[in-house]
Amino acid sequence: MEYVKDDKQLLVEKYGLKHENNAWYSEKENSHKHLIFKDSFFEHTDLIGLLFRIHKLCMAKVNYFRRNIEKYEPLKYDYKKGFVAVPLWDADFLKHQPSGLILDFRYLQTITIYDDFLNLCKELESFE
């Protein structure tokens, strides 16, 4: 029987996370190793929780997207094809389907004031 990798395993492979001492670390060239999450977090959280932890996004964003993920299409950018639909584990962007607006995880990192995030949510919800 062939072993099939689950989405969580594919996610840690995409980001090249290293497993040691019951935890997952990011080890990039020219930077120090840093903890992303422990095994208990990996085992007990969902894919959105892991993806948002890797991108250093706060719990308000995790909770919002957990409740509303069906309104978003996961995308990544291909320089020849443009934006292409992908499974959530491989996403770099989320397209809000009612508005057509595309959110980059790096953009979401820049929103550090809770009220600013609430305003973004309200704006997106106005298209629904």
N, C-alpha and C. Protein backbone atom coordinates (compact mmCIF):
# COMPACT_ATOMS: atom_id res chain seq x y z
N MET A 1 0.83 -1.18 0.00
CA MET A 1 0.00 0.00 0.00
C MET A 1 0.88 1.25 0.00
N GLU A 2 0.54 2.21 -0.82
CA GLU A 2 1.31 3.45 -0.94
C GLU A 2 0.92 4.43 0.16
N TYR A 3 1.93 5.02 0.79
CA TYR A 3 1.69 6.00 1.85
C TYR A 3 1.43 7.37 1.21
N VAL A 4 0.36 8.02 1.66
CA VAL A 4 0.00 9.33 1.15
C VAL A 4 0.28 10.37 2.23
N LYS A 5 1.00 11.41 1.88
CA LYS A 5 1.31 12.48 2.83
C LYS A 5 0.07 13.32 3.06
N ASP A 6 -0.12 13.73 4.32
CA ASP A 6 -1.25 14.62 4.58
C ASP A 6 -0.82 16.07 4.40
N ASP A 7 -1.79 16.96 4.45
CA ASP A 7 -1.54 18.38 4.18
C ASP A 7 -0.54 19.00 5.16
N LYS A 8 -0.60 18.58 6.41
CA LYS A 8 0.34 19.12 7.39
C LYS A 8 1.78 18.76 7.03
N GLN A 9 1.99 17.51 6.61
CA GLN A 9 3.34 17.08 6.22
C GLN A 9 3.81 17.83 4.98
N LEU A 10 2.92 18.03 4.03
CA LEU A 10 3.26 18.77 2.82
C LEU A 10 3.63 20.22 3.16
N LEU A 11 2.92 20.80 4.13
CA LEU A 11 3.20 22.17 4.56
C LEU A 11 4.61 22.29 5.15
N VAL A 12 4.98 21.38 6.06
CA VAL A 12 6.31 21.49 6.67
C VAL A 12 7.41 21.24 5.64
N GLU A 13 7.13 20.39 4.65
CA GLU A 13 8.11 20.18 3.58
C GLU A 13 8.25 21.43 2.72
N LYS A 14 7.13 22.08 2.39
CA LYS A 14 7.18 23.29 1.57
C LYS A 14 8.09 24.34 2.21
N TYR A 15 7.98 24.51 3.52
CA TYR A 15 8.74 25.53 4.21
C TYR A 15 10.09 25.01 4.73
N GLY A 16 10.40 23.77 4.41
CA GLY A 16 11.70 23.21 4.79
C GLY A 16 11.93 23.17 6.28
N LEU A 17 10.88 22.94 7.06
CA LEU A 17 11.02 22.91 8.51
C LEU A 17 11.74 21.64 8.93
N LYS A 18 12.61 21.78 9.92
CA LYS A 18 13.39 20.67 10.46
C LYS A 18 12.80 20.24 11.79
N HIS A 19 12.72 18.92 11.99
CA HIS A 19 12.17 18.37 13.23
C HIS A 19 13.29 17.91 14.14
N GLU A 20 13.31 18.45 15.35
CA GLU A 20 14.28 17.99 16.35
C GLU A 20 13.78 18.36 17.73
N ASN A 21 14.07 17.50 18.69
CA ASN A 21 13.69 17.73 20.10
C ASN A 21 12.20 18.05 20.26
N ASN A 22 11.35 17.29 19.59
CA ASN A 22 9.89 17.45 19.70
C ASN A 22 9.39 18.81 19.26
N ALA A 23 10.06 19.40 18.27
CA ALA A 23 9.65 20.70 17.77
C ALA A 23 10.07 20.85 16.31
N TRP A 24 9.48 21.84 15.66
CA TRP A 24 9.76 22.14 14.25
C TRP A 24 10.43 23.50 14.18
N TYR A 25 11.53 23.56 13.45
CA TYR A 25 12.35 24.76 13.35
C TYR A 25 12.52 25.19 11.89
N SER A 26 12.68 26.48 11.72
CA SER A 26 13.05 27.04 10.43
C SER A 26 14.55 27.33 10.49
N GLU A 27 15.25 26.86 9.49
CA GLU A 27 16.69 27.07 9.44
C GLU A 27 17.04 27.56 8.04
N LYS A 28 17.08 28.85 7.88
CA LYS A 28 17.38 29.45 6.58
C LYS A 28 18.87 29.79 6.50
N GLU A 29 19.36 29.81 5.28
CA GLU A 29 20.75 30.19 5.07
C GLU A 29 20.96 31.62 5.57
N ASN A 30 22.08 31.87 6.19
CA ASN A 30 22.46 33.19 6.71
C ASN A 30 21.54 33.72 7.82
N SER A 31 20.85 32.83 8.51
CA SER A 31 20.06 33.26 9.67
C SER A 31 20.07 32.14 10.70
N HIS A 32 19.77 32.50 11.93
CA HIS A 32 19.77 31.50 12.99
C HIS A 32 18.50 30.66 12.97
N LYS A 33 18.60 29.50 13.55
CA LYS A 33 17.46 28.58 13.65
C LYS A 33 16.45 29.16 14.63
N HIS A 34 15.16 29.10 14.28
CA HIS A 34 14.16 29.55 15.25
C HIS A 34 12.96 28.61 15.27
N LEU A 35 12.39 28.50 16.44
CA LEU A 35 11.26 27.61 16.69
C LEU A 35 10.01 28.13 15.98
N ILE A 36 9.34 27.24 15.27
CA ILE A 36 8.06 27.59 14.63
C ILE A 36 6.92 27.07 15.49
N PHE A 37 6.94 25.77 15.82
CA PHE A 37 5.95 25.20 16.73
C PHE A 37 6.47 23.88 17.29
N LYS A 38 5.88 23.49 18.41
CA LYS A 38 6.22 22.23 19.06
C LYS A 38 5.31 21.13 18.52
N ASP A 39 5.71 19.88 18.77
CA ASP A 39 4.93 18.73 18.28
C ASP A 39 3.49 18.77 18.77
N SER A 40 3.28 19.16 20.03
CA SER A 40 1.91 19.17 20.56
C SER A 40 1.03 20.15 19.77
N PHE A 41 1.57 21.30 19.40
CA PHE A 41 0.83 22.26 18.58
C PHE A 41 0.56 21.67 17.20
N PHE A 42 1.59 21.06 16.60
CA PHE A 42 1.46 20.44 15.29
C PHE A 42 0.35 19.38 15.28
N GLU A 43 0.30 18.58 16.32
CA GLU A 43 -0.67 17.49 16.39
C GLU A 43 -2.08 17.96 16.67
N HIS A 44 -2.22 19.04 17.45
CA HIS A 44 -3.55 19.43 17.92
C HIS A 44 -4.19 20.58 17.16
N THR A 45 -3.48 21.23 16.28
CA THR A 45 -4.09 22.34 15.55
C THR A 45 -4.39 21.93 14.12
N ASP A 46 -5.19 22.73 13.47
CA ASP A 46 -5.55 22.46 12.08
C ASP A 46 -4.55 23.10 11.12
N LEU A 47 -4.77 22.87 9.85
CA LEU A 47 -3.88 23.38 8.82
C LEU A 47 -3.80 24.91 8.83
N ILE A 48 -4.93 25.57 9.04
CA ILE A 48 -4.92 27.04 9.09
C ILE A 48 -4.06 27.52 10.26
N GLY A 49 -4.18 26.89 11.40
CA GLY A 49 -3.36 27.27 12.55
C GLY A 49 -1.88 27.13 12.26
N LEU A 50 -1.48 26.05 11.60
CA LEU A 50 -0.07 25.85 11.26
C LEU A 50 0.41 26.86 10.23
N LEU A 51 -0.38 27.04 9.18
CA LEU A 51 -0.02 27.97 8.11
C LEU A 51 0.14 29.40 8.64
N PHE A 52 -0.79 29.80 9.49
CA PHE A 52 -0.74 31.16 10.03
C PHE A 52 0.38 31.30 11.07
N ARG A 53 0.73 30.24 11.77
CA ARG A 53 1.87 30.29 12.70
C ARG A 53 3.17 30.47 11.92
N ILE A 54 3.31 29.74 10.82
CA ILE A 54 4.50 29.87 9.98
C ILE A 54 4.64 31.31 9.50
N HIS A 55 3.51 31.94 9.15
CA HIS A 55 3.53 33.32 8.66
C HIS A 55 3.45 34.36 9.78
N LYS A 56 3.49 33.89 11.02
CA LYS A 56 3.49 34.77 12.20
C LYS A 56 2.27 35.68 12.23
N LEU A 57 1.11 35.09 12.02
CA LEU A 57 -0.15 35.84 12.05
C LEU A 57 -0.85 35.58 13.38
N CYS A 58 -1.51 36.58 13.90
CA CYS A 58 -2.12 36.53 15.23
C CYS A 58 -3.38 35.66 15.26
N MET A 59 -3.83 35.37 16.48
CA MET A 59 -5.00 34.52 16.68
C MET A 59 -6.28 35.15 16.13
N ALA A 60 -6.39 36.47 16.13
CA ALA A 60 -7.59 37.11 15.56
C ALA A 60 -7.71 36.73 14.08
N LYS A 61 -6.59 36.73 13.38
CA LYS A 61 -6.60 36.38 11.96
C LYS A 61 -6.88 34.89 11.78
N VAL A 62 -6.27 34.06 12.63
CA VAL A 62 -6.53 32.62 12.57
C VAL A 62 -8.02 32.35 12.75
N ASN A 63 -8.60 32.94 13.79
CA ASN A 63 -10.01 32.71 14.08
C ASN A 63 -10.92 33.20 12.95
N TYR A 64 -10.62 34.38 12.42
CA TYR A 64 -11.43 34.90 11.31
C TYR A 64 -11.39 33.95 10.12
N PHE A 65 -10.20 33.54 9.72
CA PHE A 65 -10.09 32.69 8.53
C PHE A 65 -10.62 31.28 8.78
N ARG A 66 -10.53 30.78 10.00
CA ARG A 66 -11.15 29.49 10.31
C ARG A 66 -12.66 29.57 10.07
N ARG A 67 -13.26 30.66 10.50
CA ARG A 67 -14.72 30.82 10.35
C ARG A 67 -15.14 31.10 8.92
N ASN A 68 -14.24 31.66 8.12
CA ASN A 68 -14.63 32.15 6.79
C ASN A 68 -13.86 31.55 5.63
N ILE A 69 -13.10 30.50 5.85
CA ILE A 69 -12.20 29.99 4.81
C ILE A 69 -12.95 29.57 3.54
N GLU A 70 -14.20 29.19 3.67
CA GLU A 70 -14.97 28.78 2.48
C GLU A 70 -15.20 29.94 1.52
N LYS A 71 -15.01 31.16 1.98
CA LYS A 71 -15.18 32.35 1.12
C LYS A 71 -13.89 32.69 0.37
N TYR A 72 -12.83 31.93 0.62
CA TYR A 72 -11.52 32.23 0.06
C TYR A 72 -11.01 31.08 -0.80
N GLU A 73 -10.33 31.45 -1.87
CA GLU A 73 -9.68 30.47 -2.73
C GLU A 73 -8.16 30.59 -2.52
N PRO A 74 -7.51 29.48 -2.12
CA PRO A 74 -6.06 29.52 -1.94
C PRO A 74 -5.36 29.63 -3.30
N LEU A 75 -4.36 30.51 -3.37
CA LEU A 75 -3.64 30.75 -4.62
C LEU A 75 -2.14 30.80 -4.37
N LYS A 76 -1.39 30.59 -5.43
CA LYS A 76 0.02 30.94 -5.45
C LYS A 76 0.29 31.60 -6.79
N TYR A 77 1.44 32.22 -6.92
CA TYR A 77 1.73 32.94 -8.15
C TYR A 77 2.75 32.18 -8.97
N ASP A 78 2.41 31.95 -10.23
CA ASP A 78 3.32 31.34 -11.19
C ASP A 78 3.68 32.42 -12.21
N TYR A 79 4.96 32.65 -12.42
CA TYR A 79 5.36 33.77 -13.27
C TYR A 79 4.88 33.62 -14.71
N LYS A 80 4.57 32.41 -15.15
CA LYS A 80 4.07 32.22 -16.52
C LYS A 80 2.54 32.25 -16.58
N LYS A 81 1.90 31.69 -15.56
CA LYS A 81 0.44 31.53 -15.57
C LYS A 81 -0.29 32.58 -14.75
N GLY A 82 0.44 33.33 -13.93
CA GLY A 82 -0.22 34.26 -13.02
C GLY A 82 -0.68 33.53 -11.77
N PHE A 83 -1.77 33.99 -11.18
CA PHE A 83 -2.30 33.34 -9.98
C PHE A 83 -2.97 32.03 -10.36
N VAL A 84 -2.64 30.97 -9.63
CA VAL A 84 -3.23 29.65 -9.87
C VAL A 84 -3.79 29.10 -8.56
N ALA A 85 -4.91 28.39 -8.68
CA ALA A 85 -5.53 27.76 -7.51
C ALA A 85 -4.67 26.60 -7.05
N VAL A 86 -4.51 26.48 -5.74
CA VAL A 86 -3.71 25.42 -5.13
C VAL A 86 -4.41 24.93 -3.86
N PRO A 87 -3.98 23.79 -3.32
CA PRO A 87 -4.51 23.38 -2.01
C PRO A 87 -4.06 24.39 -0.94
N LEU A 88 -4.79 24.46 0.14
CA LEU A 88 -4.50 25.44 1.19
C LEU A 88 -3.06 25.34 1.70
N TRP A 89 -2.52 24.15 1.84
CA TRP A 89 -1.16 24.00 2.39
C TRP A 89 -0.11 24.69 1.51
N ASP A 90 -0.41 24.87 0.22
CA ASP A 90 0.55 25.42 -0.72
C ASP A 90 0.29 26.90 -1.02
N ALA A 91 -0.69 27.49 -0.35
CA ALA A 91 -1.11 28.87 -0.67
C ALA A 91 -0.12 29.91 -0.17
N ASP A 92 0.02 30.96 -0.97
CA ASP A 92 0.75 32.17 -0.58
C ASP A 92 -0.20 33.36 -0.53
N PHE A 93 -1.38 33.17 -1.09
CA PHE A 93 -2.40 34.21 -1.18
C PHE A 93 -3.76 33.58 -0.94
N LEU A 94 -4.71 34.41 -0.52
CA LEU A 94 -6.10 33.99 -0.39
C LEU A 94 -6.96 34.98 -1.16
N LYS A 95 -7.75 34.47 -2.09
CA LYS A 95 -8.64 35.33 -2.88
C LYS A 95 -10.03 35.31 -2.26
N HIS A 96 -10.49 36.48 -1.86
CA HIS A 96 -11.84 36.62 -1.32
C HIS A 96 -12.79 36.54 -2.50
N GLN A 97 -13.52 35.46 -2.58
CA GLN A 97 -14.34 35.20 -3.78
C GLN A 97 -15.43 36.23 -4.03
N PRO A 98 -16.16 36.68 -3.02
CA PRO A 98 -17.21 37.68 -3.32
C PRO A 98 -16.66 38.99 -3.91
N SER A 99 -15.48 39.43 -3.46
CA SER A 99 -14.95 40.72 -3.93
C SER A 99 -13.91 40.57 -5.03
N GLY A 100 -13.28 39.41 -5.10
CA GLY A 100 -12.18 39.21 -6.05
C GLY A 100 -10.85 39.75 -5.54
N LEU A 101 -10.84 40.32 -4.33
CA LEU A 101 -9.60 40.87 -3.76
C LEU A 101 -8.68 39.73 -3.31
N ILE A 102 -7.39 39.91 -3.53
CA ILE A 102 -6.40 38.89 -3.19
C ILE A 102 -5.57 39.40 -2.02
N LEU A 103 -5.53 38.60 -0.96
CA LEU A 103 -4.75 38.93 0.23
C LEU A 103 -3.47 38.11 0.25
N ASP A 104 -2.37 38.78 0.44
CA ASP A 104 -1.06 38.16 0.54
C ASP A 104 -0.78 37.95 2.04
N PHE A 105 -0.23 36.78 2.41
CA PHE A 105 0.09 36.55 3.81
C PHE A 105 1.06 37.62 4.33
N ARG A 106 1.95 38.10 3.47
CA ARG A 106 2.88 39.16 3.90
C ARG A 106 2.13 40.45 4.20
N TYR A 107 1.08 40.73 3.44
CA TYR A 107 0.26 41.91 3.73
C TYR A 107 -0.44 41.74 5.08
N LEU A 108 -0.99 40.56 5.33
CA LEU A 108 -1.68 40.32 6.60
C LEU A 108 -0.72 40.51 7.78
N GLN A 109 0.57 40.19 7.59
CA GLN A 109 1.56 40.40 8.65
C GLN A 109 1.70 41.88 9.01
N THR A 110 1.49 42.75 8.04
CA THR A 110 1.69 44.19 8.29
C THR A 110 0.55 44.80 9.10
N ILE A 111 -0.57 44.12 9.21
CA ILE A 111 -1.70 44.63 9.99
C ILE A 111 -1.47 44.25 11.44
N THR A 112 -1.07 45.22 12.23
CA THR A 112 -0.73 44.94 13.63
C THR A 112 -1.70 45.56 14.63
N ILE A 113 -2.59 46.39 14.14
CA ILE A 113 -3.59 47.01 15.01
C ILE A 113 -4.92 46.30 14.80
N TYR A 114 -5.47 45.79 15.89
CA TYR A 114 -6.68 44.98 15.83
C TYR A 114 -7.82 45.67 15.08
N ASP A 115 -8.03 46.95 15.36
CA ASP A 115 -9.12 47.68 14.70
C ASP A 115 -8.90 47.78 13.18
N ASP A 116 -7.65 47.85 12.76
CA ASP A 116 -7.36 47.86 11.33
C ASP A 116 -7.76 46.54 10.69
N PHE A 117 -7.52 45.44 11.40
CA PHE A 117 -7.94 44.13 10.89
C PHE A 117 -9.46 44.03 10.85
N LEU A 118 -10.13 44.53 11.89
CA LEU A 118 -11.60 44.52 11.90
C LEU A 118 -12.16 45.33 10.73
N ASN A 119 -11.53 46.46 10.43
CA ASN A 119 -11.96 47.28 9.29
C ASN A 119 -11.79 46.54 7.97
N LEU A 120 -10.69 45.80 7.83
CA LEU A 120 -10.50 44.98 6.63
C LEU A 120 -11.60 43.93 6.52
N CYS A 121 -11.91 43.28 7.62
CA CYS A 121 -12.97 42.25 7.62
C CYS A 121 -14.31 42.87 7.23
N LYS A 122 -14.62 44.02 7.79
CA LYS A 122 -15.89 44.70 7.46
C LYS A 122 -15.94 45.05 5.99
N GLU A 123 -14.83 45.54 5.45
CA GLU A 123 -14.79 45.89 4.04
C GLU A 123 -15.02 44.65 3.17
N LEU A 124 -14.37 43.55 3.50
CA LEU A 124 -14.56 42.32 2.75
C LEU A 124 -15.99 41.82 2.85
N GLU A 125 -16.55 41.87 4.05
CA GLU A 125 -17.91 41.39 4.27
C GLU A 125 -18.95 42.27 3.56
N SER A 126 -18.60 43.50 3.25
CA SER A 126 -19.54 44.37 2.54
C SER A 126 -19.80 43.88 1.11
N PHE A 127 -18.94 43.01 0.59
CA PHE A 127 -19.13 42.46 -0.75
C PHE A 127 -20.02 41.22 -0.75
N GLU A 128 -20.30 40.70 0.44
CA GLU A 128 -21.03 39.42 0.54
C GLU A 128 -22.54 39.63 0.50
